[in-house]
Amino acid sequence: MNSQDLSSLRDLIARRLAELDAGSDAGRDARSIVELDQQAVGRLSRMDALQNQAMAKAQQTRRDIEKRRLHLALQRMDEGEYGYCDTCGEDLPLGRLHIDPAATSCVSCSRG
């Protein structure tokens, strides 16, 4: 992998991190505490609000995991360990890294 490929992938990771941050900001209200005031909100509406809150929290957990994976990919780039399969040591195809820049294993080893 050449320096131009690494630069392109670093830019891709930066864009994805920005998108994840924007999603976190947008979902902040949905994760807030649900008021359980029976007079203000009916029972079914409260259940919907609680379900929406749970889904927003699950989405945030997925975003946090993806952000961690992307930061680890940047760390591997800085250490010169990026783009290799953790299992077999082979180079990861550039196309795979464009789809998932945080990938740590080749398709063969991922299936195994």
C-alpha atoms as a PDB file:
ATOM      1  CA  MET A   1       0.000   0.000   0.000  1.00  0.00           C
ATOM      2  CA  ASN A   2       1.475   3.344  -0.984  1.00  0.00           C
ATOM      3  CA  SER A   3       1.310   6.679   0.828  1.00  0.00           C
ATOM      4  CA  GLN A   4      -1.466   7.951  -1.462  1.00  0.00           C
ATOM      5  CA  ASP A   5      -3.641   4.940  -0.541  1.00  0.00           C
ATOM      6  CA  LEU A   6      -2.952   5.514   3.162  1.00  0.00           C
ATOM      7  CA  SER A   7      -3.808   9.201   2.835  1.00  0.00           C
ATOM      8  CA  SER A   8      -7.064   8.357   1.061  1.00  0.00           C
ATOM      9  CA  LEU A   9      -7.987   5.843   3.765  1.00  0.00           C
ATOM     10  CA  ARG A  10      -7.051   8.299   6.528  1.00  0.00           C
ATOM     11  CA  ASP A  11      -9.410  10.864   4.922  1.00  0.00           C
ATOM     12  CA  LEU A  12     -12.148   8.233   4.689  1.00  0.00           C
ATOM     13  CA  ILE A  13     -11.736   7.442   8.395  1.00  0.00           C
ATOM     14  CA  ALA A  14     -11.873  11.139   9.277  1.00  0.00           C
ATOM     15  CA  ARG A  15     -15.123  11.550   7.314  1.00  0.00           C
ATOM     16  CA  ARG A  16     -16.670   8.517   8.997  1.00  0.00           C
ATOM     17  CA  LEU A  17     -15.666   9.772  12.438  1.00  0.00           C
ATOM     18  CA  ALA A  18     -17.280  13.141  11.638  1.00  0.00           C
ATOM     19  CA  GLU A  19     -20.476  11.376  10.531  1.00  0.00           C
ATOM     20  CA  LEU A  20     -20.532   9.333  13.737  1.00  0.00           C
ATOM     21  CA  ASP A  21     -20.055  12.473  15.823  1.00  0.00           C
ATOM     22  CA  ALA A  22     -22.897  14.179  13.958  1.00  0.00           C
ATOM     23  CA  GLY A  23     -25.123  11.156  14.612  1.00  0.00           C
ATOM     24  CA  SER A  24     -24.235  11.278  18.302  1.00  0.00           C
ATOM     25  CA  ASP A  25     -25.147  14.951  18.488  1.00  0.00           C
ATOM     26  CA  ALA A  26     -28.421  14.416  16.646  1.00  0.00           C
ATOM     27  CA  GLY A  27     -29.472  11.518  18.898  1.00  0.00           C
ATOM     28  CA  ARG A  28     -28.691  13.237  22.196  1.00  0.00           C
ATOM     29  CA  ASP A  29     -32.310  14.284  22.860  1.00  0.00           C
ATOM     30  CA  ALA A  30     -33.635  10.804  22.040  1.00  0.00           C
ATOM     31  CA  ARG A  31     -31.356   9.307  24.711  1.00  0.00           C
ATOM     32  CA  SER A  32     -32.450  11.738  27.417  1.00  0.00           C
ATOM     33  CA  ILE A  33     -34.523  10.708  30.424  1.00  0.00           C
ATOM     34  CA  VAL A  34     -38.150   9.938  29.629  1.00  0.00           C
ATOM     35  CA  GLU A  35     -40.583  11.806  31.843  1.00  0.00           C
ATOM     36  CA  LEU A  36     -43.066   9.417  33.441  1.00  0.00           C
ATOM     37  CA  ASP A  37     -45.762  11.995  34.177  1.00  0.00           C
ATOM     38  CA  GLN A  38     -49.055  10.118  33.628  1.00  0.00           C
ATOM     39  CA  GLN A  39     -50.944  13.388  33.206  1.00  0.00           C
ATOM     40  CA  ALA A  40     -48.661  14.692  30.444  1.00  0.00           C
ATOM     41  CA  VAL A  41     -48.186  11.484  28.488  1.00  0.00           C
ATOM     42  CA  GLY A  42     -50.463   8.479  28.116  1.00  0.00           C
ATOM     43  CA  ARG A  43     -49.323   4.950  28.964  1.00  0.00           C
ATOM     44  CA  LEU A  44     -48.784   3.907  25.333  1.00  0.00           C
ATOM     45  CA  SER A  45     -46.974   7.117  24.510  1.00  0.00           C
ATOM     46  CA  ARG A  46     -44.654   6.534  27.483  1.00  0.00           C
ATOM     47  CA  MET A  47     -43.970   2.999  26.270  1.00  0.00           C
ATOM     48  CA  ASP A  48     -43.176   4.361  22.807  1.00  0.00           C
ATOM     49  CA  ALA A  49     -40.891   6.974  24.334  1.00  0.00           C
ATOM     50  CA  LEU A  50     -39.080   4.331  26.412  1.00  0.00           C
ATOM     51  CA  GLN A  51     -38.698   2.086  23.372  1.00  0.00           C
ATOM     52  CA  ASN A  52     -37.370   4.994  21.294  1.00  0.00           C
ATOM     53  CA  GLN A  53     -34.936   5.842  24.090  1.00  0.00           C
ATOM     54  CA  ALA A  54     -33.679   2.230  24.204  1.00  0.00           C
ATOM     55  CA  MET A  55     -33.187   2.196  20.432  1.00  0.00           C
ATOM     56  CA  ALA A  56     -31.325   5.531  20.560  1.00  0.00           C
ATOM     57  CA  LYS A  57     -29.037   4.172  23.288  1.00  0.00           C
ATOM     58  CA  ALA A  58     -28.357   1.027  21.239  1.00  0.00           C
ATOM     59  CA  GLN A  59     -27.524   3.161  18.191  1.00  0.00           C
ATOM     60  CA  GLN A  60     -25.133   5.220  20.305  1.00  0.00           C
ATOM     61  CA  THR A  61     -23.444   2.044  21.551  1.00  0.00           C
ATOM     62  CA  ARG A  62     -22.930   0.924  17.930  1.00  0.00           C
ATOM     63  CA  ARG A  63     -21.545   4.366  17.039  1.00  0.00           C
ATOM     64  CA  ASP A  64     -19.152   4.217  20.002  1.00  0.00           C
ATOM     65  CA  ILE A  65     -17.899   0.775  18.957  1.00  0.00           C
ATOM     66  CA  GLU A  66     -17.346   1.941  15.375  1.00  0.00           C
ATOM     67  CA  LYS A  67     -15.526   5.082  16.566  1.00  0.00           C
ATOM     68  CA  ARG A  68     -13.236   2.908  18.696  1.00  0.00           C
ATOM     69  CA  ARG A  69     -12.511   0.625  15.705  1.00  0.00           C
ATOM     70  CA  LEU A  70     -11.707   3.637  13.507  1.00  0.00           C
ATOM     71  CA  HIS A  71      -9.412   5.196  16.112  1.00  0.00           C
ATOM     72  CA  LEU A  72      -7.594   1.863  16.428  1.00  0.00           C
ATOM     73  CA  ALA A  73      -7.179   1.813  12.634  1.00  0.00           C
ATOM     74  CA  LEU A  74      -5.589   5.273  12.791  1.00  0.00           C
ATOM     75  CA  GLN A  75      -3.296   4.034  15.545  1.00  0.00           C
ATOM     76  CA  ARG A  76      -2.268   1.041  13.407  1.00  0.00           C
ATOM     77  CA  MET A  77      -1.544   3.452  10.522  1.00  0.00           C
ATOM     78  CA  ASP A  78       0.721   5.528  12.766  1.00  0.00           C
ATOM     79  CA  GLU A  79       2.539   2.381  13.916  1.00  0.00           C
ATOM     80  CA  GLY A  80       2.950   1.015  10.376  1.00  0.00           C
ATOM     81  CA  GLU A  81       0.805  -2.027  11.185  1.00  0.00           C
ATOM     82  CA  TYR A  82      -2.213  -1.074   9.076  1.00  0.00           C
ATOM     83  CA  GLY A  83      -3.542  -3.128   6.175  1.00  0.00           C
ATOM     84  CA  TYR A  84      -2.468  -6.593   7.297  1.00  0.00           C
ATOM     85  CA  CYS A  85      -4.633  -9.497   8.411  1.00  0.00           C
ATOM     86  CA  ASP A  86      -4.237 -10.128  12.155  1.00  0.00           C
ATOM     87  CA  THR A  87      -4.661 -13.869  11.619  1.00  0.00           C
ATOM     88  CA  CYS A  88      -2.667 -14.813   8.512  1.00  0.00           C
ATOM     89  CA  GLY A  89      -0.513 -11.689   8.057  1.00  0.00           C
ATOM     90  CA  GLU A  90      -1.452 -11.201   4.407  1.00  0.00           C
ATOM     91  CA  ASP A  91      -2.134  -7.751   2.959  1.00  0.00           C
ATOM     92  CA  LEU A  92      -5.773  -6.721   3.124  1.00  0.00           C
ATOM     93  CA  PRO A  93      -7.179  -5.833  -0.303  1.00  0.00           C
ATOM     94  CA  LEU A  94      -7.539  -2.093  -0.826  1.00  0.00           C
ATOM     95  CA  GLY A  95     -11.191  -2.574  -1.828  1.00  0.00           C
ATOM     96  CA  ARG A  96     -11.924  -4.227   1.520  1.00  0.00           C
ATOM     97  CA  LEU A  97     -10.331  -1.326   3.358  1.00  0.00           C
ATOM     98  CA  HIS A  98     -12.410   1.183   1.388  1.00  0.00           C
ATOM     99  CA  ILE A  99     -15.547  -0.671   2.469  1.00  0.00           C
ATOM    100  CA  ASP A 100     -14.382  -1.113   6.069  1.00  0.00           C
ATOM    101  CA  PRO A 101     -11.265   0.923   6.830  1.00  0.00           C
ATOM    102  CA  ALA A 102     -11.164  -0.571  10.344  1.00  0.00           C
ATOM    103  CA  ALA A 103     -10.985  -4.170   9.073  1.00  0.00           C
ATOM    104  CA  THR A 104      -8.351  -6.294  10.811  1.00  0.00           C
ATOM    105  CA  SER A 105      -8.744  -9.570   8.959  1.00  0.00           C
ATOM    106  CA  CYS A 106      -9.084 -10.784   5.401  1.00  0.00           C
ATOM    107  CA  VAL A 107     -12.323 -12.284   4.143  1.00  0.00           C
ATOM    108  CA  SER A 108     -10.960 -15.844   4.354  1.00  0.00           C
ATOM    109  CA  CYS A 109      -9.926 -15.490   7.993  1.00  0.00           C
ATOM    110  CA  SER A 110     -13.153 -13.651   8.888  1.00  0.00           C
ATOM    111  CA  ARG A 111     -15.192 -16.618   7.710  1.00  0.00           C
ATOM    112  CA  GLY A 112     -13.021 -19.156   9.509  1.00  0.00           C
END
